[in-house]
Amino acid sequence: MSPSCKTIFLPLGLVHSIPIYYNTFMTRRELLAAGAAFATCATPLAAAKTHLDASRISAITDEIGLSTGESIAFAHHYGMQNVEIRNPPGKKEYFTLPEAEIKADADLFAKEGLKVTFVNTSLLKFTWPGTEAARRRTETPEARDKRLAAEKVRWDQRMEDFQRVIRCAHIMGCDKVRVFAGTRVTDPTTVYQRIADTLGEMSKLAEREKIYLLLENEGSQNIATAAELADVMRLIPSKWVGFNWDPHNAYGKEKAYPEGYSLLPKARMLNLQIKGKGVMPESPEREDWRAIFAALNNDGYEGKVGLETHLFDGTLITAAHKSMDEIMKIVREV
């Protein structure tokens, strides 16, 4: 830090109250140099506004408690201010529930001082009509016909489902929802334009309703890695379409940091999720979250970071606590 920077300790209000006059004897070069010096000194203050701390940590409620009440208690235990939702523990997705049930939990979260920041949905997470999944399932002709018919219904009613998701998000006071890119085909690049067109169509409704549509990378889907997120984002110009990066969903396909992270179009990353296996200290699949958090701070990331514990071996809640303990430790240290 330059000596001139070290001398600036005035309160912000006092700085704003000081009138600034143009000195007619100062040359243009001197004026530009003075402005650059001020900008350099102001940089640490600007960076501080995007520093990740506990107030920006979240978690999906159905993976931190066996009931909504337990999930709220978990959030309070860690001093969290935010939660993500998918479904009430043991029930179907929130957007499919009767409106009265959605409102009841929305009121409960608000009463408990918790902001719902992301609605996780399964929108478009199925084999799209006209495509063939790369991983073929063993099924009878009758079962195949039944599945294809059900998938066509889901495809045909995708906009109606999206409207229900939007209504759920509005009730929850949330402006971000998750979507997927269809079951993975042998060569996902062949469906990139279709993905872009589909999300582009949905983005028009999203813009009208002031809801951000976040595409998540997921191993079973056509968009599985950071590289693939970057490729398809180039085809979707709408600012109402961003992405939710879950680096562990690409485990075994790309290294989360620095390779995966370096490829992401950072300005369109509107949420980030951490898997339990990706952060627990003893996990052999652990990612370098200290490095990732440091990079997020350096790059001015302003979104939330949510825990998706995602362990189904009977240790879900224990793993959720181990994971959140580690996340909060990293946040304090980075």
Protein backbone atom coordinates (compact mmCIF):
# COMPACT_ATOMS: atom_id res chain seq x y z
CA MET A 1 0.00 0.00 0.00
CA SER A 2 1.32 3.44 -0.94
CA PRO A 3 1.93 6.09 1.77
CA SER A 4 -0.89 8.19 0.33
CA CYS A 5 -3.32 5.33 0.89
CA LYS A 6 -2.29 4.95 4.50
CA THR A 7 -3.28 8.51 5.30
CA ILE A 8 -6.95 8.12 4.31
CA PHE A 9 -8.95 7.37 7.47
CA LEU A 10 -11.81 9.87 7.17
CA PRO A 11 -15.35 8.56 7.92
CA LEU A 12 -17.36 8.02 4.75
CA GLY A 13 -19.93 10.66 5.67
CA LEU A 14 -17.19 13.26 6.20
CA VAL A 15 -15.60 12.38 2.88
CA HIS A 16 -18.93 12.91 1.11
CA SER A 17 -19.32 16.31 2.80
CA ILE A 18 -16.01 17.70 1.51
CA PRO A 19 -16.57 19.83 -1.61
CA ILE A 20 -14.25 19.11 -4.51
CA TYR A 21 -13.19 21.94 -6.81
CA TYR A 22 -11.32 21.68 -10.08
CA ASN A 23 -7.97 23.43 -9.79
CA THR A 24 -7.43 25.39 -12.98
CA PHE A 25 -3.68 25.25 -12.40
CA MET A 26 -3.64 21.41 -12.22
CA THR A 27 -2.76 19.78 -15.51
CA ARG A 28 -4.99 17.11 -17.04
CA ARG A 29 -2.26 14.52 -16.48
CA GLU A 30 -2.06 15.44 -12.78
CA LEU A 31 -5.83 15.24 -12.44
CA LEU A 32 -5.95 11.75 -14.01
CA ALA A 33 -3.06 10.60 -11.81
CA ALA A 34 -4.86 11.83 -8.71
CA GLY A 35 -8.00 9.97 -9.74
CA ALA A 36 -6.06 6.74 -10.29
CA ALA A 37 -4.45 7.06 -6.86
CA PHE A 38 -7.87 7.46 -5.24
CA ALA A 39 -9.21 4.41 -7.10
CA THR A 40 -6.26 2.34 -5.91
CA CYS A 41 -6.90 3.33 -2.31
CA ALA A 42 -10.62 2.59 -2.65
CA THR A 43 -10.12 -0.94 -3.97
CA PRO A 44 -9.89 -2.72 -0.56
CA LEU A 45 -13.21 -1.15 0.48
CA ALA A 46 -14.92 -2.32 -2.70
CA ALA A 47 -13.49 -5.82 -2.30
CA ALA A 48 -14.72 -6.01 1.29
CA LYS A 49 -18.31 -5.73 0.06
CA THR A 50 -18.07 -9.12 -1.68
CA HIS A 51 -16.10 -11.02 0.95
CA LEU A 52 -17.75 -14.34 1.75
CA ASP A 53 -18.84 -14.62 5.37
CA ALA A 54 -21.36 -16.61 7.40
CA SER A 55 -24.20 -14.32 6.31
CA ARG A 56 -23.91 -15.72 2.77
CA ILE A 57 -23.88 -19.41 3.68
CA SER A 58 -27.03 -21.43 3.04
CA ALA A 59 -28.19 -25.06 2.89
CA ILE A 60 -30.95 -27.13 1.31
CA THR A 61 -33.46 -27.72 4.11
CA ASP A 62 -34.33 -31.36 3.33
CA GLU A 63 -30.68 -32.38 3.75
CA ILE A 64 -29.97 -30.70 7.10
CA GLY A 65 -32.98 -31.96 9.07
CA LEU A 66 -35.58 -34.72 9.09
CA SER A 67 -38.35 -32.14 9.44
CA THR A 68 -38.74 -28.46 8.60
CA GLY A 69 -38.41 -27.69 12.30
CA GLU A 70 -35.14 -29.60 12.54
CA SER A 71 -33.83 -27.80 9.45
CA ILE A 72 -34.64 -24.43 11.02
CA ALA A 73 -32.93 -25.48 14.25
CA PHE A 74 -29.84 -26.49 12.24
CA ALA A 75 -29.77 -23.08 10.54
CA HIS A 76 -30.06 -21.27 13.88
CA HIS A 77 -27.30 -23.42 15.37
CA TYR A 78 -24.87 -22.06 12.76
CA GLY A 79 -26.21 -18.51 12.77
CA MET A 80 -27.38 -18.84 9.18
CA GLN A 81 -29.61 -16.20 7.62
CA ASN A 82 -30.45 -18.10 4.43
CA VAL A 83 -31.83 -21.44 3.32
CA GLU A 84 -32.46 -23.16 0.01
CA ILE A 85 -35.54 -25.29 -0.53
CA ARG A 86 -36.37 -28.30 -2.69
CA ASN A 87 -39.01 -30.25 -0.80
CA PRO A 88 -40.15 -30.45 2.81
CA PRO A 89 -38.38 -33.49 4.32
CA GLY A 90 -40.27 -36.61 3.28
CA LYS A 91 -42.60 -34.81 0.84
CA LYS A 92 -42.75 -33.90 -2.84
CA GLU A 93 -41.13 -30.81 -4.32
CA TYR A 94 -42.42 -27.53 -2.93
CA PHE A 95 -43.75 -26.26 -6.26
CA THR A 96 -46.02 -29.32 -6.59
CA LEU A 97 -47.66 -28.80 -3.17
CA PRO A 98 -50.94 -27.02 -2.50
CA GLU A 99 -50.42 -23.28 -2.20
CA ALA A 100 -51.55 -23.29 1.42
CA GLU A 101 -48.68 -25.63 2.35
CA ILE A 102 -46.15 -23.49 0.50
CA LYS A 103 -47.42 -20.37 2.28
CA ALA A 104 -47.30 -22.08 5.67
CA ASP A 105 -43.59 -22.86 5.32
CA ALA A 106 -42.88 -19.48 3.76
CA ASP A 107 -44.43 -17.81 6.80
CA LEU A 108 -42.47 -20.10 9.11
CA PHE A 109 -39.13 -19.33 7.46
CA ALA A 110 -39.88 -15.61 7.60
CA LYS A 111 -40.91 -15.81 11.26
CA GLU A 112 -37.64 -17.58 12.05
CA GLY A 113 -35.61 -14.90 10.27
CA LEU A 114 -34.53 -17.13 7.39
CA LYS A 115 -34.46 -15.89 3.78
CA VAL A 116 -35.18 -18.43 1.05
CA THR A 117 -32.53 -17.68 -1.57
CA PHE A 118 -32.90 -20.54 -4.05
CA VAL A 119 -35.69 -22.91 -5.11
CA ASN A 120 -34.18 -26.20 -6.26
CA THR A 121 -36.42 -27.98 -8.76
CA SER A 122 -36.24 -30.95 -11.11
CA LEU A 123 -37.43 -28.91 -14.10
CA LEU A 124 -36.32 -30.56 -17.38
CA LYS A 125 -34.41 -33.32 -15.55
CA PHE A 126 -35.56 -36.14 -17.79
CA THR A 127 -34.89 -37.53 -21.26
CA TRP A 128 -36.17 -34.99 -23.75
CA PRO A 129 -38.35 -36.28 -26.60
CA GLY A 130 -36.30 -37.03 -29.70
CA THR A 131 -33.12 -37.80 -27.75
CA GLU A 132 -31.65 -41.08 -26.56
CA ALA A 133 -29.90 -41.34 -23.20
CA ALA A 134 -26.26 -42.36 -23.38
CA ARG A 135 -26.77 -44.77 -20.50
CA ARG A 136 -29.37 -47.23 -21.65
CA ARG A 137 -31.59 -48.70 -18.99
CA THR A 138 -32.77 -52.30 -18.93
CA GLU A 139 -36.53 -52.19 -19.48
CA THR A 140 -39.26 -54.08 -21.24
CA PRO A 141 -40.81 -52.61 -24.40
CA GLU A 142 -43.96 -51.88 -22.40
CA ALA A 143 -41.99 -50.07 -19.68
CA ARG A 144 -40.08 -48.10 -22.31
CA ASP A 145 -43.29 -46.98 -24.01
CA LYS A 146 -44.75 -45.92 -20.68
CA ARG A 147 -41.60 -43.95 -19.77
CA LEU A 148 -41.45 -42.21 -23.14
CA ALA A 149 -45.09 -41.20 -22.84
CA ALA A 150 -44.53 -39.80 -19.35
CA GLU A 151 -41.45 -37.86 -20.52
CA LYS A 152 -43.41 -36.39 -23.42
CA VAL A 153 -46.07 -35.18 -20.98
CA ARG A 154 -43.38 -33.55 -18.84
CA TRP A 155 -41.88 -31.89 -21.90
CA ASP A 156 -45.24 -30.66 -23.18
CA GLN A 157 -46.15 -29.13 -19.83
CA ARG A 158 -42.74 -27.63 -19.07
CA MET A 159 -44.01 -24.05 -19.25
CA GLU A 160 -46.97 -24.82 -17.00
CA ASP A 161 -44.59 -26.41 -14.50
CA PHE A 162 -42.33 -23.38 -14.75
CA GLN A 163 -45.28 -21.13 -13.94
CA ARG A 164 -45.94 -23.21 -10.82
CA VAL A 165 -42.27 -22.91 -9.87
CA ILE A 166 -42.43 -19.14 -10.31
CA ARG A 167 -45.53 -18.95 -8.10
CA CYS A 168 -43.73 -20.99 -5.44
CA ALA A 169 -40.70 -18.70 -5.65
CA HIS A 170 -42.86 -15.59 -5.32
CA ILE A 171 -44.59 -17.00 -2.24
CA MET A 172 -41.20 -17.79 -0.73
CA GLY A 173 -39.87 -14.32 -1.54
CA CYS A 174 -37.14 -15.83 -3.73
CA ASP A 175 -35.91 -14.77 -7.18
CA LYS A 176 -33.77 -17.77 -8.24
CA VAL A 177 -34.87 -21.24 -9.37
CA ARG A 178 -32.98 -24.29 -10.62
CA VAL A 179 -33.36 -26.04 -13.95
CA PHE A 180 -31.52 -28.83 -15.78
CA ALA A 181 -30.54 -29.62 -19.38
CA GLY A 182 -32.05 -33.03 -20.05
CA THR A 183 -30.70 -36.55 -19.61
CA ARG A 184 -27.19 -36.85 -21.06
CA VAL A 185 -26.86 -38.09 -24.63
CA THR A 186 -23.76 -39.62 -26.20
CA ASP A 187 -22.61 -36.27 -27.63
CA PRO A 188 -24.14 -33.39 -25.62
CA THR A 189 -22.84 -30.78 -28.09
CA THR A 190 -25.51 -31.97 -30.53
CA VAL A 191 -28.24 -30.67 -28.22
CA TYR A 192 -26.59 -27.42 -27.06
CA GLN A 193 -28.70 -25.29 -29.38
CA ARG A 194 -31.88 -27.03 -28.27
CA ILE A 195 -30.93 -26.38 -24.64
CA ALA A 196 -30.28 -22.73 -25.47
CA ASP A 197 -33.59 -22.41 -27.33
CA THR A 198 -35.52 -24.09 -24.52
CA LEU A 199 -34.03 -21.93 -21.78
CA GLY A 200 -34.33 -18.90 -24.03
CA GLU A 201 -38.07 -19.50 -24.33
CA MET A 202 -38.36 -19.84 -20.56
CA SER A 203 -36.26 -16.71 -20.03
CA LYS A 204 -39.00 -14.52 -21.53
CA LEU A 205 -41.40 -15.58 -18.78
CA ALA A 206 -38.60 -15.36 -16.23
CA GLU A 207 -37.93 -11.76 -17.22
CA ARG A 208 -41.59 -10.80 -16.93
CA GLU A 209 -41.79 -12.38 -13.49
CA LYS A 210 -38.35 -11.11 -12.35
CA ILE A 211 -37.11 -14.63 -11.64
CA TYR A 212 -33.60 -15.84 -12.50
CA LEU A 213 -33.35 -19.25 -14.13
CA LEU A 214 -30.23 -21.10 -12.96
CA LEU A 215 -28.93 -24.03 -14.99
CA GLU A 216 -27.14 -26.57 -12.82
CA ASN A 217 -24.31 -28.79 -14.00
CA GLU A 218 -25.07 -32.41 -13.12
CA GLY A 219 -23.34 -35.63 -14.18
CA SER A 220 -26.43 -37.36 -15.54
CA GLN A 221 -27.41 -34.30 -17.58
CA ASN A 222 -26.25 -32.79 -20.86
CA ILE A 223 -24.49 -30.03 -18.95
CA ALA A 224 -22.22 -31.74 -16.43
CA THR A 225 -19.03 -29.69 -16.18
CA ALA A 226 -17.83 -26.10 -15.89
CA ALA A 227 -16.59 -26.32 -19.47
CA GLU A 228 -20.04 -27.34 -20.68
CA LEU A 229 -21.69 -24.60 -18.63
CA ALA A 230 -19.41 -22.07 -20.31
CA ASP A 231 -20.21 -23.46 -23.78
CA VAL A 232 -23.99 -23.29 -23.42
CA MET A 233 -24.03 -19.94 -21.61
CA ARG A 234 -22.46 -18.40 -24.74
CA LEU A 235 -25.59 -19.42 -26.65
CA ILE A 236 -28.04 -17.82 -24.19
CA PRO A 237 -27.88 -14.02 -24.16
CA SER A 238 -30.64 -13.39 -21.62
CA LYS A 239 -29.38 -11.93 -18.33
CA TRP A 240 -32.23 -13.81 -16.64
CA VAL A 241 -30.43 -17.11 -17.28
CA GLY A 242 -27.41 -17.88 -15.13
CA PHE A 243 -26.06 -20.99 -13.51
CA ASN A 244 -25.71 -22.81 -10.22
CA TRP A 245 -22.22 -24.30 -10.03
CA ASP A 246 -21.89 -27.58 -8.15
CA PRO A 247 -18.27 -28.64 -8.69
CA HIS A 248 -18.72 -32.05 -7.08
CA ASN A 249 -21.31 -32.92 -9.72
CA ALA A 250 -18.38 -32.98 -12.14
CA TYR A 251 -16.18 -35.12 -9.86
CA GLY A 252 -14.12 -37.48 -12.02
CA LYS A 253 -14.81 -35.41 -15.15
CA GLU A 254 -12.81 -32.27 -14.32
CA LYS A 255 -10.88 -30.90 -11.37
CA ALA A 256 -12.93 -28.26 -9.59
CA TYR A 257 -10.05 -25.88 -8.99
CA PRO A 258 -8.28 -24.37 -10.73
CA GLU A 259 -9.30 -26.07 -14.00
CA GLY A 260 -13.09 -26.02 -13.69
CA TYR A 261 -13.31 -22.71 -11.91
CA SER A 262 -11.12 -20.95 -14.47
CA LEU A 263 -13.55 -21.84 -17.28
CA LEU A 264 -16.69 -20.46 -15.64
CA PRO A 265 -18.28 -17.25 -16.92
CA LYS A 266 -18.13 -15.74 -13.42
CA ALA A 267 -20.59 -12.90 -14.04
CA ARG A 268 -23.38 -15.44 -14.62
CA MET A 269 -22.72 -17.59 -11.54
CA LEU A 270 -25.68 -16.71 -9.34
CA ASN A 271 -25.45 -19.56 -6.83
CA LEU A 272 -22.94 -22.19 -5.77
CA GLN A 273 -23.43 -25.50 -3.98
CA ILE A 274 -21.12 -27.68 -1.91
CA LYS A 275 -21.58 -31.42 -1.53
CA GLY A 276 -20.83 -33.11 1.80
CA LYS A 277 -18.30 -35.41 0.15
CA GLY A 278 -16.65 -32.37 -1.37
CA VAL A 279 -15.96 -30.59 1.92
CA MET A 280 -15.84 -33.00 4.88
CA PRO A 281 -12.24 -33.18 6.18
CA GLU A 282 -12.00 -36.97 6.01
CA SER A 283 -13.54 -37.32 2.53
CA PRO A 284 -11.23 -38.69 -0.20
CA GLU A 285 -13.31 -36.69 -2.71
CA ARG A 286 -12.73 -33.36 -1.01
CA GLU A 287 -12.28 -30.25 -3.17
CA ASP A 288 -9.99 -27.35 -2.34
CA TRP A 289 -12.66 -25.06 -0.93
CA ARG A 290 -10.16 -22.70 0.68
CA ALA A 291 -8.72 -21.94 -2.74
CA ILE A 292 -12.19 -21.68 -4.29
CA PHE A 293 -13.45 -19.29 -1.57
CA ALA A 294 -10.33 -17.15 -1.96
CA ALA A 295 -10.88 -17.01 -5.71
CA LEU A 296 -14.55 -16.11 -5.24
CA ASN A 297 -13.55 -13.23 -2.98
CA ASN A 298 -10.91 -12.08 -5.44
CA ASP A 299 -13.35 -12.22 -8.36
CA GLY A 300 -16.11 -10.34 -6.53
CA TYR A 301 -18.68 -13.15 -6.30
CA GLU A 302 -21.82 -11.73 -4.69
CA GLY A 303 -24.09 -14.78 -4.51
CA LYS A 304 -24.75 -17.39 -1.84
CA VAL A 305 -23.04 -20.71 -1.11
CA GLY A 306 -25.36 -23.58 -0.19
CA LEU A 307 -24.70 -26.97 1.36
CA GLU A 308 -26.30 -29.97 -0.32
CA THR A 309 -25.19 -32.76 2.00
CA HIS A 310 -26.34 -35.52 -0.36
CA LEU A 311 -25.39 -38.64 1.58
CA PHE A 312 -27.87 -41.49 1.74
CA ASP A 313 -26.08 -44.05 3.90
CA GLY A 314 -27.87 -43.16 7.14
CA THR A 315 -25.36 -40.44 8.09
CA LEU A 316 -27.14 -37.48 6.45
CA ILE A 317 -27.56 -35.26 9.50
CA THR A 318 -24.18 -36.13 11.02
CA ALA A 319 -22.57 -35.41 7.66
CA ALA A 320 -24.50 -32.13 7.41
CA HIS A 321 -22.99 -30.97 10.72
CA LYS A 322 -19.48 -32.08 9.73
CA SER A 323 -19.86 -30.29 6.41
CA MET A 324 -21.21 -27.05 7.87
CA ASP A 325 -18.57 -27.05 10.62
CA GLU A 326 -15.91 -27.16 7.91
CA ILE A 327 -17.61 -24.55 5.71
CA MET A 328 -17.88 -22.09 8.59
CA LYS A 329 -14.26 -22.76 9.54
CA ILE A 330 -13.12 -22.02 5.98
CA VAL A 331 -15.21 -18.83 5.87
CA ARG A 332 -13.57 -17.61 9.08
CA GLU A 333 -10.07 -18.36 7.86
CA VAL A 334 -10.17 -17.17 4.23
